[in-house]
Amino acid sequence: MAELTRRYIVMQMAAEGPFDVADPNAPFVLKPWKDPAALEALITYRRHCYAELARELDQWIRAIAVGPKIRGGVGARNELMALARPKPAPAARPKAKTKAKRSKILKKKAKRRT
């Protein structure tokens, strides 16, 4: 995975410090093996990044999907939240016109023509 070889060292701070949301270089770590929300974020990122990186992310996502189910503290809470969240209803398809309605429409069009 050539595109994923750039490594960063992220260490826990000795004391809790504020996360600087204005710092463009501040790391934000997601753990897709342990957090289903992080995996969803990775899947979304794959859809929007350049092709070579997307292919490598796809390999990683497949490895996570077939691997063991591991959950961390936040991941377990996110999983419960995802299970409790109502699933969106599928988009309603327009109803097809019945034969009777179609024949009425055709009769009206025929009357207009005459």
PDB file of N, CA and C in Angstrom:
ATOM      1  N   MET A   1       0.836  -1.178   0.000  1.00  0.00           N
ATOM      2  CA  MET A   1       0.000   0.000   0.000  1.00  0.00           C
ATOM      3  C   MET A   1       0.883   1.243   0.000  1.00  0.00           C
ATOM      4  N   ALA A   2       1.310   1.579  -1.170  1.00  0.00           N
ATOM      5  CA  ALA A   2       2.243   2.700  -1.317  1.00  0.00           C
ATOM      6  C   ALA A   2       1.657   4.021  -0.843  1.00  0.00           C
ATOM      7  N   GLU A   3       0.385   4.242  -1.100  1.00  0.00           N
ATOM      8  CA  GLU A   3      -0.224   5.517  -0.734  1.00  0.00           C
ATOM      9  C   GLU A   3      -0.449   5.646   0.766  1.00  0.00           C
ATOM     10  N   LEU A   4      -0.476   4.533   1.476  1.00  0.00           N
ATOM     11  CA  LEU A   4      -0.741   4.584   2.914  1.00  0.00           C
ATOM     12  C   LEU A   4       0.534   4.438   3.738  1.00  0.00           C
ATOM     13  N   THR A   5       1.708   4.589   3.116  1.00  0.00           N
ATOM     14  CA  THR A   5       2.954   4.371   3.844  1.00  0.00           C
ATOM     15  C   THR A   5       3.422   5.573   4.644  1.00  0.00           C
ATOM     16  N   ARG A   6       2.915   6.735   4.385  1.00  0.00           N
ATOM     17  CA  ARG A   6       3.326   7.897   5.171  1.00  0.00           C
ATOM     18  C   ARG A   6       2.838   7.693   6.598  1.00  0.00           C
ATOM     19  N   ARG A   7       3.734   7.762   7.539  1.00  0.00           N
ATOM     20  CA  ARG A   7       3.390   7.448   8.925  1.00  0.00           C
ATOM     21  C   ARG A   7       3.473   8.704   9.800  1.00  0.00           C
ATOM     22  N   TYR A   8       2.630   8.720  10.794  1.00  0.00           N
ATOM     23  CA  TYR A   8       2.636   9.790  11.775  1.00  0.00           C
ATOM     24  C   TYR A   8       2.727   9.145  13.150  1.00  0.00           C
ATOM     25  N   ILE A   9       3.393   9.785  14.047  1.00  0.00           N
ATOM     26  CA  ILE A   9       3.443   9.307  15.414  1.00  0.00           C
ATOM     27  C   ILE A   9       2.473  10.164  16.219  1.00  0.00           C
ATOM     28  N   VAL A  10       1.500   9.525  16.801  1.00  0.00           N
ATOM     29  CA  VAL A  10       0.507  10.221  17.617  1.00  0.00           C
ATOM     30  C   VAL A  10       0.642   9.666  19.023  1.00  0.00           C
ATOM     31  N   MET A  11       0.946  10.530  19.949  1.00  0.00           N
ATOM     32  CA  MET A  11       1.142  10.089  21.329  1.00  0.00           C
ATOM     33  C   MET A  11       0.101  10.737  22.228  1.00  0.00           C
ATOM     34  N   GLN A  12      -0.219  10.023  23.273  1.00  0.00           N
ATOM     35  CA  GLN A  12      -1.144  10.567  24.255  1.00  0.00           C
ATOM     36  C   GLN A  12      -0.439  11.659  25.041  1.00  0.00           C
ATOM     37  N   MET A  13      -1.132  12.734  25.277  1.00  0.00           N
ATOM     38  CA  MET A  13      -0.547  13.840  26.035  1.00  0.00           C
ATOM     39  C   MET A  13      -0.494  13.468  27.509  1.00  0.00           C
ATOM     40  N   ALA A  14       0.503  13.993  28.207  1.00  0.00           N
ATOM     41  CA  ALA A  14       0.652  13.717  29.632  1.00  0.00           C
ATOM     42  C   ALA A  14      -0.555  14.243  30.412  1.00  0.00           C
ATOM     43  N   ALA A  15      -1.063  15.368  30.030  1.00  0.00           N
ATOM     44  CA  ALA A  15      -2.234  15.954  30.684  1.00  0.00           C
ATOM     45  C   ALA A  15      -3.271  16.248  29.604  1.00  0.00           C
ATOM     46  N   GLU A  16      -4.509  16.223  30.003  1.00  0.00           N
ATOM     47  CA  GLU A  16      -5.565  16.547  29.059  1.00  0.00           C
ATOM     48  C   GLU A  16      -5.395  17.982  28.591  1.00  0.00           C
ATOM     49  N   GLY A  17      -5.341  18.164  27.322  1.00  0.00           N
ATOM     50  CA  GLY A  17      -5.219  19.502  26.781  1.00  0.00           C
ATOM     51  C   GLY A  17      -6.356  19.757  25.811  1.00  0.00           C
ATOM     52  N   PRO A  18      -6.630  20.987  25.526  1.00  0.00           N
ATOM     53  CA  PRO A  18      -7.720  21.284  24.587  1.00  0.00           C
ATOM     54  C   PRO A  18      -7.318  20.907  23.157  1.00  0.00           C
ATOM     55  N   PHE A  19      -8.266  20.437  22.406  1.00  0.00           N
ATOM     56  CA  PHE A  19      -8.053  20.142  20.993  1.00  0.00           C
ATOM     57  C   PHE A  19      -8.216  21.450  20.241  1.00  0.00           C
ATOM     58  N   ASP A  20      -7.192  21.854  19.537  1.00  0.00           N
ATOM     59  CA  ASP A  20      -7.224  23.135  18.824  1.00  0.00           C
ATOM     60  C   ASP A  20      -7.900  22.934  17.469  1.00  0.00           C
ATOM     61  N   VAL A  21      -9.154  23.291  17.383  1.00  0.00           N
ATOM     62  CA  VAL A  21      -9.909  23.093  16.141  1.00  0.00           C
ATOM     63  C   VAL A  21      -9.431  24.011  15.030  1.00  0.00           C
ATOM     64  N   ALA A  22      -8.687  25.058  15.357  1.00  0.00           N
ATOM     65  CA  ALA A  22      -8.197  25.995  14.347  1.00  0.00           C
ATOM     66  C   ALA A  22      -6.831  25.584  13.788  1.00  0.00           C
ATOM     67  N   ASP A  23      -6.191  24.567  14.359  1.00  0.00           N
ATOM     68  CA  ASP A  23      -4.866  24.128  13.913  1.00  0.00           C
ATOM     69  C   ASP A  23      -5.023  23.149  12.755  1.00  0.00           C
ATOM     70  N   PRO A  24      -4.629  23.539  11.528  1.00  0.00           N
ATOM     71  CA  PRO A  24      -4.793  22.640  10.381  1.00  0.00           C
ATOM     72  C   PRO A  24      -3.879  21.419  10.430  1.00  0.00           C
ATOM     73  N   ASN A  25      -2.859  21.418  11.283  1.00  0.00           N
ATOM     74  CA  ASN A  25      -1.948  20.282  11.389  1.00  0.00           C
ATOM     75  C   ASN A  25      -2.228  19.387  12.592  1.00  0.00           C
ATOM     76  N   ALA A  26      -3.280  19.687  13.324  1.00  0.00           N
ATOM     77  CA  ALA A  26      -3.610  18.869  14.493  1.00  0.00           C
ATOM     78  C   ALA A  26      -4.129  17.510  14.027  1.00  0.00           C
ATOM     79  N   PRO A  27      -3.591  16.405  14.543  1.00  0.00           N
ATOM     80  CA  PRO A  27      -4.065  15.086  14.124  1.00  0.00           C
ATOM     81  C   PRO A  27      -5.397  14.746  14.786  1.00  0.00           C
ATOM     82  N   PHE A  28      -6.196  14.056  14.062  1.00  0.00           N
ATOM     83  CA  PHE A  28      -7.452  13.533  14.594  1.00  0.00           C
ATOM     84  C   PHE A  28      -7.462  12.065  14.199  1.00  0.00           C
ATOM     85  N   VAL A  29      -7.390  11.190  15.148  1.00  0.00           N
ATOM     86  CA  VAL A  29      -7.201   9.766  14.868  1.00  0.00           C
ATOM     87  C   VAL A  29      -8.531   9.022  14.933  1.00  0.00           C
ATOM     88  N   LEU A  30      -8.801   8.254  13.886  1.00  0.00           N
ATOM     89  CA  LEU A  30      -9.962   7.369  13.863  1.00  0.00           C
ATOM     90  C   LEU A  30      -9.434   5.933  13.835  1.00  0.00           C
ATOM     91  N   LYS A  31     -10.126   5.032  14.505  1.00  0.00           N
ATOM     92  CA  LYS A  31      -9.711   3.629  14.543  1.00  0.00           C
ATOM     93  C   LYS A  31     -10.816   2.773  13.929  1.00  0.00           C
ATOM     94  N   PRO A  32     -10.761   2.550  12.612  1.00  0.00           N
ATOM     95  CA  PRO A  32     -11.846   1.828  11.949  1.00  0.00           C
ATOM     96  C   PRO A  32     -11.990   0.368  12.377  1.00  0.00           C
ATOM     97  N   TRP A  33     -10.948  -0.242  12.945  1.00  0.00           N
ATOM     98  CA  TRP A  33     -11.076  -1.609  13.452  1.00  0.00           C
ATOM     99  C   TRP A  33     -11.946  -1.638  14.699  1.00  0.00           C
ATOM    100  N   LYS A  34     -11.893  -0.581  15.488  1.00  0.00           N
ATOM    101  CA  LYS A  34     -12.569  -0.571  16.782  1.00  0.00           C
ATOM    102  C   LYS A  34     -13.846   0.263  16.812  1.00  0.00           C
ATOM    103  N   ASP A  35     -14.084   1.065  15.793  1.00  0.00           N
ATOM    104  CA  ASP A  35     -15.209   1.994  15.827  1.00  0.00           C
ATOM    105  C   ASP A  35     -15.966   1.952  14.507  1.00  0.00           C
ATOM    106  N   PRO A  36     -17.219   1.470  14.510  1.00  0.00           N
ATOM    107  CA  PRO A  36     -17.982   1.405  13.261  1.00  0.00           C
ATOM    108  C   PRO A  36     -18.214   2.780  12.634  1.00  0.00           C
ATOM    109  N   ALA A  37     -18.277   3.827  13.448  1.00  0.00           N
ATOM    110  CA  ALA A  37     -18.447   5.178  12.905  1.00  0.00           C
ATOM    111  C   ALA A  37     -17.185   5.591  12.142  1.00  0.00           C
ATOM    112  N   ALA A  38     -16.016   5.191  12.640  1.00  0.00           N
ATOM    113  CA  ALA A  38     -14.760   5.487  11.955  1.00  0.00           C
ATOM    114  C   ALA A  38     -14.692   4.723  10.633  1.00  0.00           C
ATOM    115  N   LEU A  39     -15.192   3.497  10.628  1.00  0.00           N
ATOM    116  CA  LEU A  39     -15.211   2.718   9.386  1.00  0.00           C
ATOM    117  C   LEU A  39     -16.117   3.378   8.355  1.00  0.00           C
ATOM    118  N   GLU A  40     -17.271   3.863   8.789  1.00  0.00           N
ATOM    119  CA  GLU A  40     -18.174   4.578   7.873  1.00  0.00           C
ATOM    120  C   GLU A  40     -17.506   5.838   7.329  1.00  0.00           C
ATOM    121  N   ALA A  41     -16.763   6.543   8.188  1.00  0.00           N
ATOM    122  CA  ALA A  41     -16.046   7.741   7.741  1.00  0.00           C
ATOM    123  C   ALA A  41     -14.991   7.372   6.701  1.00  0.00           C
ATOM    124  N   LEU A  42     -14.308   6.257   6.912  1.00  0.00           N
ATOM    125  CA  LEU A  42     -13.296   5.791   5.965  1.00  0.00           C
ATOM    126  C   LEU A  42     -13.935   5.416   4.624  1.00  0.00           C
ATOM    127  N   ILE A  43     -15.079   4.778   4.664  1.00  0.00           N
ATOM    128  CA  ILE A  43     -15.799   4.410   3.439  1.00  0.00           C
ATOM    129  C   ILE A  43     -16.208   5.664   2.663  1.00  0.00           C
ATOM    130  N   THR A  44     -16.703   6.657   3.385  1.00  0.00           N
ATOM    131  CA  THR A  44     -17.083   7.917   2.743  1.00  0.00           C
ATOM    132  C   THR A  44     -15.864   8.614   2.159  1.00  0.00           C
ATOM    133  N   TYR A  45     -14.765   8.611   2.902  1.00  0.00           N
ATOM    134  CA  TYR A  45     -13.526   9.239   2.416  1.00  0.00           C
ATOM    135  C   TYR A  45     -13.054   8.538   1.134  1.00  0.00           C
ATOM    136  N   ARG A  46     -13.160   7.208   1.113  1.00  0.00           N
ATOM    137  CA  ARG A  46     -12.750   6.442  -0.073  1.00  0.00           C
ATOM    138  C   ARG A  46     -13.538   6.888  -1.309  1.00  0.00           C
ATOM    139  N   ARG A  47     -14.808   7.178  -1.138  1.00  0.00           N
ATOM    140  CA  ARG A  47     -15.643   7.604  -2.270  1.00  0.00           C
ATOM    141  C   ARG A  47     -15.219   8.959  -2.833  1.00  0.00           C
ATOM    142  N   HIS A  48     -14.520   9.756  -2.038  1.00  0.00           N
ATOM    143  CA  HIS A  48     -14.222  11.128  -2.442  1.00  0.00           C
ATOM    144  C   HIS A  48     -12.744  11.414  -2.686  1.00  0.00           C
ATOM    145  N   CYS A  49     -11.879  10.414  -2.567  1.00  0.00           N
ATOM    146  CA  CYS A  49     -10.446  10.667  -2.754  1.00  0.00           C
ATOM    147  C   CYS A  49      -9.998  10.170  -4.127  1.00  0.00           C
ATOM    148  N   TYR A  50      -8.747  10.424  -4.452  1.00  0.00           N
ATOM    149  CA  TYR A  50      -8.232  10.050  -5.770  1.00  0.00           C
ATOM    150  C   TYR A  50      -8.106   8.530  -5.891  1.00  0.00           C
ATOM    151  N   ALA A  51      -8.082   8.050  -7.128  1.00  0.00           N
ATOM    152  CA  ALA A  51      -8.259   6.629  -7.438  1.00  0.00           C
ATOM    153  C   ALA A  51      -7.240   5.705  -6.770  1.00  0.00           C
ATOM    154  N   GLU A  52      -5.962   6.062  -6.778  1.00  0.00           N
ATOM    155  CA  GLU A  52      -4.952   5.162  -6.214  1.00  0.00           C
ATOM    156  C   GLU A  52      -5.157   4.974  -4.710  1.00  0.00           C
ATOM    157  N   LEU A  53      -5.402   6.062  -4.014  1.00  0.00           N
ATOM    158  CA  LEU A  53      -5.657   5.968  -2.579  1.00  0.00           C
ATOM    159  C   LEU A  53      -6.964   5.216  -2.323  1.00  0.00           C
ATOM    160  N   ALA A  54      -7.963   5.444  -3.140  1.00  0.00           N
ATOM    161  CA  ALA A  54      -9.252   4.759  -2.981  1.00  0.00           C
ATOM    162  C   ALA A  54      -9.087   3.244  -3.098  1.00  0.00           C
ATOM    163  N   ARG A  55      -8.245   2.789  -4.023  1.00  0.00           N
ATOM    164  CA  ARG A  55      -8.011   1.343  -4.176  1.00  0.00           C
ATOM    165  C   ARG A  55      -7.370   0.762  -2.915  1.00  0.00           C
ATOM    166  N   GLU A  56      -6.405   1.469  -2.365  1.00  0.00           N
ATOM    167  CA  GLU A  56      -5.730   0.973  -1.172  1.00  0.00           C
ATOM    168  C   GLU A  56      -6.644   1.025   0.048  1.00  0.00           C
ATOM    169  N   LEU A  57      -7.466   2.061   0.137  1.00  0.00           N
ATOM    170  CA  LEU A  57      -8.433   2.127   1.227  1.00  0.00           C
ATOM    171  C   LEU A  57      -9.445   0.995   1.100  1.00  0.00           C
ATOM    172  N   ASP A  58      -9.806   0.656  -0.120  1.00  0.00           N
ATOM    173  CA  ASP A  58     -10.735  -0.441  -0.353  1.00  0.00           C
ATOM    174  C   ASP A  58     -10.165  -1.756   0.175  1.00  0.00           C
ATOM    175  N   GLN A  59      -8.874  -1.999  -0.055  1.00  0.00           N
ATOM    176  CA  GLN A  59      -8.231  -3.209   0.469  1.00  0.00           C
ATOM    177  C   GLN A  59      -8.302  -3.215   2.000  1.00  0.00           C
ATOM    178  N   TRP A  60      -8.028  -2.086   2.606  1.00  0.00           N
ATOM    179  CA  TRP A  60      -8.057  -1.974   4.056  1.00  0.00           C
ATOM    180  C   TRP A  60      -9.476  -2.212   4.592  1.00  0.00           C
ATOM    181  N   ILE A  61     -10.449  -1.612   3.944  1.00  0.00           N
ATOM    182  CA  ILE A  61     -11.848  -1.761   4.365  1.00  0.00           C
ATOM    183  C   ILE A  61     -12.285  -3.215   4.262  1.00  0.00           C
ATOM    184  N   ARG A  62     -11.886  -3.902   3.179  1.00  0.00           N
ATOM    185  CA  ARG A  62     -12.225  -5.323   3.032  1.00  0.00           C
ATOM    186  C   ARG A  62     -11.570  -6.163   4.130  1.00  0.00           C
ATOM    187  N   ALA A  63     -10.313  -5.830   4.477  1.00  0.00           N
ATOM    188  CA  ALA A  63      -9.629  -6.566   5.549  1.00  0.00           C
ATOM    189  C   ALA A  63     -10.360  -6.382   6.877  1.00  0.00           C
ATOM    190  N   ILE A  64     -10.846  -5.190   7.136  1.00  0.00           N
ATOM    191  CA  ILE A  64     -11.591  -4.928   8.373  1.00  0.00           C
ATOM    192  C   ILE A  64     -12.902  -5.706   8.359  1.00  0.00           C
ATOM    193  N   ALA A  65     -13.567  -5.736   7.204  1.00  0.00           N
ATOM    194  CA  ALA A  65     -14.873  -6.397   7.095  1.00  0.00           C
ATOM    195  C   ALA A  65     -14.775  -7.901   7.354  1.00  0.00           C
ATOM    196  N   VAL A  66     -13.712  -8.544   6.905  1.00  0.00           N
ATOM    197  CA  VAL A  66     -13.591  -9.994   7.098  1.00  0.00           C
ATOM    198  C   VAL A  66     -12.847 -10.347   8.381  1.00  0.00           C
ATOM    199  N   GLY A  67     -12.245  -9.360   9.023  1.00  0.00           N
ATOM    200  CA  GLY A  67     -11.482  -9.601  10.251  1.00  0.00           C
ATOM    201  C   GLY A  67     -12.386  -9.735  11.458  1.00  0.00           C
ATOM    202  N   PRO A  68     -11.763  -9.940  12.621  1.00  0.00           N
ATOM    203  CA  PRO A  68     -12.559 -10.083  13.848  1.00  0.00           C
ATOM    204  C   PRO A  68     -13.222  -8.763  14.236  1.00  0.00           C
ATOM    205  N   LYS A  69     -14.352  -8.874  14.902  1.00  0.00           N
ATOM    206  CA  LYS A  69     -15.079  -7.688  15.359  1.00  0.00           C
ATOM    207  C   LYS A  69     -14.454  -7.235  16.673  1.00  0.00           C
ATOM    208  N   ILE A  70     -13.783  -6.102  16.641  1.00  0.00           N
ATOM    209  CA  ILE A  70     -13.112  -5.546  17.813  1.00  0.00           C
ATOM    210  C   ILE A  70     -13.792  -4.221  18.117  1.00  0.00           C
ATOM    211  N   ARG A  71     -14.119  -3.977  19.359  1.00  0.00           N
ATOM    212  CA  ARG A  71     -14.727  -2.697  19.712  1.00  0.00           C
ATOM    213  C   ARG A  71     -13.988  -2.085  20.885  1.00  0.00           C
ATOM    214  N   GLY A  72     -13.707  -0.802  20.760  1.00  0.00           N
ATOM    215  CA  GLY A  72     -13.138  -0.033  21.865  1.00  0.00           C
ATOM    216  C   GLY A  72     -14.276   0.639  22.612  1.00  0.00           C
ATOM    217  N   GLY A  73     -13.960   1.469  23.586  1.00  0.00           N
ATOM    218  CA  GLY A  73     -14.982   2.137  24.390  1.00  0.00           C
ATOM    219  C   GLY A  73     -15.904   3.005  23.558  1.00  0.00           C
ATOM    220  N   VAL A  74     -15.327   3.899  22.773  1.00  0.00           N
ATOM    221  CA  VAL A  74     -16.133   4.787  21.926  1.00  0.00           C
ATOM    222  C   VAL A  74     -16.809   3.967  20.831  1.00  0.00           C
ATOM    223  N   GLY A  75     -16.085   2.992  20.279  1.00  0.00           N
ATOM    224  CA  GLY A  75     -16.650   2.148  19.224  1.00  0.00           C
ATOM    225  C   GLY A  75     -17.864   1.376  19.681  1.00  0.00           C
ATOM    226  N   ALA A  76     -17.825   0.858  20.922  1.00  0.00           N
ATOM    227  CA  ALA A  76     -18.975   0.125  21.457  1.00  0.00           C
ATOM    228  C   ALA A  76     -20.172   1.045  21.615  1.00  0.00           C
ATOM    229  N   ARG A  77     -19.925   2.268  22.096  1.00  0.00           N
ATOM    230  CA  ARG A  77     -21.034   3.230  22.252  1.00  0.00           C
ATOM    231  C   ARG A  77     -21.588   3.632  20.882  1.00  0.00           C
ATOM    232  N   ASN A  78     -20.695   3.851  19.910  1.00  0.00           N
ATOM    233  CA  ASN A  78     -21.151   4.214  18.560  1.00  0.00           C
ATOM    234  C   ASN A  78     -21.944   3.086  17.922  1.00  0.00           C
ATOM    235  N   GLU A  79     -21.526   1.845  18.179  1.00  0.00           N
ATOM    236  CA  GLU A  79     -22.253   0.704  17.623  1.00  0.00           C
ATOM    237  C   GLU A  79     -23.662   0.630  18.182  1.00  0.00           C
ATOM    238  N   LEU A  80     -23.805   0.838  19.499  1.00  0.00           N
ATOM    239  CA  LEU A  80     -25.145   0.844  20.117  1.00  0.00           C
ATOM    240  C   LEU A  80     -25.999   1.962  19.540  1.00  0.00           C
ATOM    241  N   MET A  81     -25.387   3.111  19.328  1.00  0.00           N
ATOM    242  CA  MET A  81     -26.121   4.253  18.776  1.00  0.00           C
ATOM    243  C   MET A  81     -26.591   3.952  17.357  1.00  0.00           C
ATOM    244  N   ALA A  82     -25.721   3.322  16.570  1.00  0.00           N
ATOM    245  CA  ALA A  82     -26.088   2.987  15.184  1.00  0.00           C
ATOM    246  C   ALA A  82     -27.220   1.971  15.154  1.00  0.00           C
ATOM    247  N   LEU A  83     -27.212   1.026  16.087  1.00  0.00           N
ATOM    248  CA  LEU A  83     -28.280   0.024  16.138  1.00  0.00           C
ATOM    249  C   LEU A  83     -29.608   0.648  16.560  1.00  0.00           C
ATOM    250  N   ALA A  84     -29.553   1.652  17.430  1.00  0.00           N
ATOM    251  CA  ALA A  84     -30.769   2.297  17.930  1.00  0.00           C
ATOM    252  C   ALA A  84     -31.344   3.300  16.933  1.00  0.00           C
ATOM    253  N   ARG A  85     -30.490   3.795  16.038  1.00  0.00           N
ATOM    254  CA  ARG A  85     -30.928   4.816  15.082  1.00  0.00           C
ATOM    255  C   ARG A  85     -31.892   4.182  14.074  1.00  0.00           C
ATOM    256  N   PRO A  86     -33.034   4.813  13.820  1.00  0.00           N
ATOM    257  CA  PRO A  86     -33.968   4.254  12.834  1.00  0.00           C
ATOM    258  C   PRO A  86     -33.360   4.291  11.437  1.00  0.00           C
ATOM    259  N   LYS A  87     -33.576   3.221  10.711  1.00  0.00           N
ATOM    260  CA  LYS A  87     -33.058   3.130   9.346  1.00  0.00           C
ATOM    261  C   LYS A  87     -33.900   4.037   8.444  1.00  0.00           C
ATOM    262  N   PRO A  88     -33.256   4.741   7.503  1.00  0.00           N
ATOM    263  CA  PRO A  88     -34.041   5.592   6.602  1.00  0.00           C
ATOM    264  C   PRO A  88     -34.922   4.724   5.700  1.00  0.00           C
ATOM    265  N   ALA A  89     -36.119   5.197   5.485  1.00  0.00           N
ATOM    266  CA  ALA A  89     -37.049   4.468   4.625  1.00  0.00           C
ATOM    267  C   ALA A  89     -36.572   4.543   3.188  1.00  0.00           C
ATOM    268  N   PRO A  90     -36.734   3.457   2.434  1.00  0.00           N
ATOM    269  CA  PRO A  90     -36.341   3.511   1.029  1.00  0.00           C
ATOM    270  C   PRO A  90     -37.189   4.540   0.280  1.00  0.00           C
ATOM    271  N   ALA A  91     -36.607   5.118  -0.744  1.00  0.00           N
ATOM    272  CA  ALA A  91     -37.323   6.134  -1.519  1.00  0.00           C
ATOM    273  C   ALA A  91     -38.566   5.516  -2.143  1.00  0.00           C
ATOM    274  N   ALA A  92     -39.669   6.220  -1.998  1.00  0.00           N
ATOM    275  CA  ALA A  92     -40.925   5.717  -2.539  1.00  0.00           C
ATOM    276  C   ALA A  92     -40.923   5.838  -4.058  1.00  0.00           C
ATOM    277  N   ARG A  93     -41.301   4.757  -4.692  1.00  0.00           N
ATOM    278  CA  ARG A  93     -41.402   4.781  -6.155  1.00  0.00           C
ATOM    279  C   ARG A  93     -42.782   5.291  -6.530  1.00  0.00           C
ATOM    280  N   PRO A  94     -42.862   6.044  -7.627  1.00  0.00           N
ATOM    281  CA  PRO A  94     -44.197   6.488  -8.047  1.00  0.00           C
ATOM    282  C   PRO A  94     -45.039   5.278  -8.439  1.00  0.00           C
ATOM    283  N   LYS A  95     -46.309   5.343  -8.062  1.00  0.00           N
ATOM    284  CA  LYS A  95     -47.198   4.221  -8.374  1.00  0.00           C
ATOM    285  C   LYS A  95     -47.428   4.135  -9.871  1.00  0.00           C
ATOM    286  N   ALA A  96     -47.409   2.923 -10.360  1.00  0.00           N
ATOM    287  CA  ALA A  96     -47.683   2.705 -11.773  1.00  0.00           C
ATOM    288  C   ALA A  96     -49.183   2.878 -12.008  1.00  0.00           C
ATOM    289  N   LYS A  97     -49.509   3.439 -13.137  1.00  0.00           N
ATOM    290  CA  LYS A  97     -50.922   3.631 -13.454  1.00  0.00           C
ATOM    291  C   LYS A  97     -51.530   2.286 -13.816  1.00  0.00           C
ATOM    292  N   THR A  98     -52.720   2.050 -13.314  1.00  0.00           N
ATOM    293  CA  THR A  98     -53.397   0.785 -13.600  1.00  0.00           C
ATOM    294  C   THR A  98     -53.895   0.800 -15.035  1.00  0.00           C
ATOM    295  N   LYS A  99     -54.256  -0.382 -15.531  1.00  0.00           N
ATOM    296  CA  LYS A  99     -54.763  -0.494 -16.908  1.00  0.00           C
ATOM    297  C   LYS A  99     -56.020   0.350 -17.095  1.00  0.00           C
ATOM    298  N   ALA A 100     -56.876   0.358 -16.077  1.00  0.00           N
ATOM    299  CA  ALA A 100     -58.123   1.116 -16.177  1.00  0.00           C
ATOM    300  C   ALA A 100     -57.828   2.614 -16.316  1.00  0.00           C
ATOM    301  N   LYS A 101     -56.898   3.114 -15.525  1.00  0.00           N
ATOM    302  CA  LYS A 101     -56.559   4.533 -15.609  1.00  0.00           C
ATOM    303  C   LYS A 101     -55.914   4.855 -16.951  1.00  0.00           C
ATOM    304  N   ARG A 102     -55.052   3.946 -17.419  1.00  0.00           N
ATOM    305  CA  ARG A 102     -54.393   4.184 -18.703  1.00  0.00           C
ATOM    306  C   ARG A 102     -55.419   4.227 -19.836  1.00  0.00           C
ATOM    307  N   SER A 103     -56.383   3.324 -19.784  1.00  0.00           N
ATOM    308  CA  SER A 103     -57.383   3.300 -20.856  1.00  0.00           C
ATOM    309  C   SER A 103     -58.247   4.566 -20.822  1.00  0.00           C
ATOM    310  N   LYS A 104     -58.566   5.079 -19.625  1.00  0.00           N
ATOM    311  CA  LYS A 104     -59.326   6.325 -19.517  1.00  0.00           C
ATOM    312  C   LYS A 104     -58.550   7.482 -20.132  1.00  0.00           C
ATOM    313  N   ILE A 105     -57.244   7.536 -19.820  1.00  0.00           N
ATOM    314  CA  ILE A 105     -56.403   8.608 -20.353  1.00  0.00           C
ATOM    315  C   ILE A 105     -56.356   8.527 -21.865  1.00  0.00           C
ATOM    316  N   LEU A 106     -56.212   7.323 -22.393  1.00  0.00           N
ATOM    317  CA  LEU A 106     -56.165   7.146 -23.853  1.00  0.00           C
ATOM    318  C   LEU A 106     -57.488   7.547 -24.504  1.00  0.00           C
ATOM    319  N   LYS A 107     -58.614   7.215 -23.841  1.00  0.00           N
ATOM    320  CA  LYS A 107     -59.930   7.584 -24.375  1.00  0.00           C
ATOM    321  C   LYS A 107     -60.092   9.099 -24.403  1.00  0.00           C
ATOM    322  N   LYS A 108     -59.632   9.782 -23.341  1.00  0.00           N
ATOM    323  CA  LYS A 108     -59.719  11.236 -23.309  1.00  0.00           C
ATOM    324  C   LYS A 108     -58.884  11.860 -24.408  1.00  0.00           C
ATOM    325  N   LYS A 109     -57.702  11.309 -24.632  1.00  0.00           N
ATOM    326  CA  LYS A 109     -56.828  11.835 -25.706  1.00  0.00           C
ATOM    327  C   LYS A 109     -57.469  11.608 -27.060  1.00  0.00           C
ATOM    328  N   ALA A 110     -58.106  10.460 -27.215  1.00  0.00           N
ATOM    329  CA  ALA A 110     -58.768  10.180 -28.500  1.00  0.00           C
ATOM    330  C   ALA A 110     -59.934  11.143 -28.734  1.00  0.00           C
ATOM    331  N   LYS A 111     -60.684  11.470 -27.674  1.00  0.00           N
ATOM    332  CA  LYS A 111     -61.787  12.408 -27.809  1.00  0.00           C
ATOM    333  C   LYS A 111     -61.282  13.793 -28.197  1.00  0.00           C
ATOM    334  N   ARG A 112     -60.157  14.193 -27.619  1.00  0.00           N
ATOM    335  CA  ARG A 112     -59.593  15.515 -27.917  1.00  0.00           C
ATOM    336  C   ARG A 112     -59.178  15.603 -29.377  1.00  0.00           C
ATOM    337  N   ARG A 113     -58.681  14.522 -29.900  1.00  0.00           N
ATOM    338  CA  ARG A 113     -58.211  14.510 -31.307  1.00  0.00           C
ATOM    339  C   ARG A 113     -59.355  14.658 -32.298  1.00  0.00           C
ATOM    340  N   THR A 114     -60.529  14.188 -31.898  1.00  0.00           N
ATOM    341  CA  THR A 114     -61.651  14.236 -32.840  1.00  0.00           C
ATOM    342  C   THR A 114     -62.435  15.504 -32.760  1.00  0.00           C
TER     343      THR A 114
END
